[in-house]
N, C-alpha and C. Protein backbone atom coordinates (compact mmCIF):
# COMPACT_ATOMS: atom_id res chain seq x y z
N MET A 1 157.87 29.49 -20.50
CA MET A 1 156.60 28.83 -20.67
C MET A 1 155.45 29.80 -20.45
N GLU A 2 155.65 30.73 -19.54
CA GLU A 2 154.59 31.71 -19.31
C GLU A 2 154.41 32.59 -20.55
N GLY A 3 155.48 32.73 -21.34
CA GLY A 3 155.41 33.54 -22.56
C GLY A 3 154.45 33.00 -23.61
N VAL A 4 154.09 31.72 -23.52
CA VAL A 4 153.13 31.13 -24.46
C VAL A 4 151.76 30.95 -23.83
N GLY A 5 151.57 31.55 -22.65
CA GLY A 5 150.25 31.55 -22.03
C GLY A 5 149.99 30.48 -21.00
N LEU A 6 150.98 29.67 -20.66
CA LEU A 6 150.77 28.64 -19.64
C LEU A 6 150.73 29.27 -18.26
N THR A 7 149.88 28.74 -17.40
CA THR A 7 149.77 29.24 -16.04
C THR A 7 149.88 28.07 -15.06
N ASP A 8 149.96 28.37 -13.80
CA ASP A 8 150.01 27.37 -12.74
C ASP A 8 151.10 26.32 -12.99
N LEU A 9 152.29 26.79 -13.34
CA LEU A 9 153.41 25.89 -13.61
C LEU A 9 153.87 25.20 -12.33
N ARG A 10 154.10 23.91 -12.41
CA ARG A 10 154.63 23.13 -11.29
C ARG A 10 155.68 22.17 -11.85
N PHE A 11 156.84 22.15 -11.21
CA PHE A 11 157.94 21.32 -11.66
C PHE A 11 158.27 20.26 -10.63
N GLY A 12 158.61 19.06 -11.11
CA GLY A 12 159.01 17.99 -10.23
C GLY A 12 160.50 18.05 -9.93
N GLU A 13 160.98 17.06 -9.24
CA GLU A 13 162.39 16.96 -8.89
C GLU A 13 163.22 16.63 -10.14
N PRO A 14 164.50 17.00 -10.15
CA PRO A 14 165.35 16.66 -11.30
C PRO A 14 165.51 15.15 -11.43
N VAL A 15 165.55 14.68 -12.68
CA VAL A 15 165.68 13.25 -12.97
C VAL A 15 166.89 13.06 -13.88
N ASP A 16 167.71 12.06 -13.59
CA ASP A 16 168.86 11.74 -14.44
C ASP A 16 168.35 10.99 -15.66
N THR A 17 168.09 11.72 -16.74
CA THR A 17 167.52 11.10 -17.94
C THR A 17 168.57 10.42 -18.81
N TYR A 18 169.85 10.58 -18.49
CA TYR A 18 170.91 9.97 -19.29
C TYR A 18 171.53 8.74 -18.62
N GLU A 19 170.98 8.30 -17.52
CA GLU A 19 171.55 7.16 -16.81
C GLU A 19 171.67 5.95 -17.74
N GLY A 20 172.89 5.45 -17.88
CA GLY A 20 173.14 4.28 -18.73
C GLY A 20 173.36 4.59 -20.19
N ALA A 21 173.19 5.84 -20.60
CA ALA A 21 173.38 6.22 -22.01
C ALA A 21 174.86 6.46 -22.30
N PRO A 22 175.27 6.36 -23.56
CA PRO A 22 176.67 6.60 -23.91
C PRO A 22 177.17 7.99 -23.49
N GLY A 23 176.34 9.00 -23.48
CA GLY A 23 176.75 10.36 -23.13
C GLY A 23 176.55 10.70 -21.66
N GLU A 24 176.36 9.69 -20.82
CA GLU A 24 176.07 9.94 -19.40
C GLU A 24 177.15 10.79 -18.73
N GLY A 25 178.42 10.52 -19.01
CA GLY A 25 179.50 11.28 -18.39
C GLY A 25 179.42 12.75 -18.74
N ASN A 26 179.14 13.07 -20.00
CA ASN A 26 179.01 14.47 -20.41
C ASN A 26 177.82 15.13 -19.76
N ALA A 27 176.72 14.40 -19.67
CA ALA A 27 175.52 14.96 -19.05
C ALA A 27 175.79 15.30 -17.58
N ARG A 28 176.50 14.45 -16.90
CA ARG A 28 176.83 14.71 -15.49
C ARG A 28 177.76 15.91 -15.37
N THR A 29 178.72 16.01 -16.28
CA THR A 29 179.66 17.13 -16.26
C THR A 29 178.93 18.47 -16.38
N PHE A 30 177.92 18.51 -17.24
CA PHE A 30 177.19 19.76 -17.47
C PHE A 30 175.92 19.88 -16.65
N GLY A 31 175.64 18.91 -15.79
CA GLY A 31 174.48 19.00 -14.91
C GLY A 31 173.15 18.92 -15.65
N VAL A 32 173.09 18.07 -16.68
CA VAL A 32 171.86 17.93 -17.47
C VAL A 32 170.87 17.03 -16.73
N HIS A 33 169.65 17.54 -16.52
CA HIS A 33 168.58 16.76 -15.89
C HIS A 33 167.27 17.01 -16.63
N GLY A 34 166.36 16.08 -16.50
CA GLY A 34 165.01 16.26 -17.02
C GLY A 34 164.09 16.63 -15.86
N TYR A 35 163.03 17.35 -16.17
CA TYR A 35 162.06 17.75 -15.15
C TYR A 35 160.66 17.50 -15.66
N ALA A 36 159.88 16.76 -14.89
CA ALA A 36 158.46 16.62 -15.21
C ALA A 36 157.77 17.91 -14.82
N PHE A 37 156.76 18.30 -15.58
CA PHE A 37 156.04 19.51 -15.23
C PHE A 37 154.58 19.40 -15.61
N THR A 38 153.76 20.20 -14.96
CA THR A 38 152.37 20.36 -15.34
C THR A 38 152.10 21.85 -15.46
N ALA A 39 151.14 22.19 -16.30
CA ALA A 39 150.76 23.58 -16.50
C ALA A 39 149.35 23.61 -17.07
N ILE A 40 148.75 24.77 -17.02
CA ILE A 40 147.41 24.96 -17.58
C ILE A 40 147.50 25.97 -18.70
N LYS A 41 146.87 25.67 -19.82
CA LYS A 41 146.77 26.62 -20.92
C LYS A 41 145.30 27.03 -20.99
N PRO A 42 144.99 28.23 -20.50
CA PRO A 42 143.59 28.68 -20.49
C PRO A 42 143.01 28.78 -21.90
N LEU A 43 141.75 28.47 -22.02
CA LEU A 43 141.06 28.63 -23.29
C LEU A 43 140.75 30.10 -23.51
N HIS A 44 140.99 30.58 -24.70
CA HIS A 44 140.67 31.97 -25.03
C HIS A 44 139.33 32.00 -25.74
N THR A 45 138.42 32.83 -25.26
CA THR A 45 137.10 32.91 -25.88
C THR A 45 136.92 34.22 -26.59
């Protein structure tokens, strides 16, 4: 993300985004989680 110019990256706790979905077992096997994040993209002048 820093490669595209975002700064001040902050990530939240991992979230089980597949809970209740048909592929939930596979997601758990591979440790798939979603993460909320915030970042700033500075304006270039």
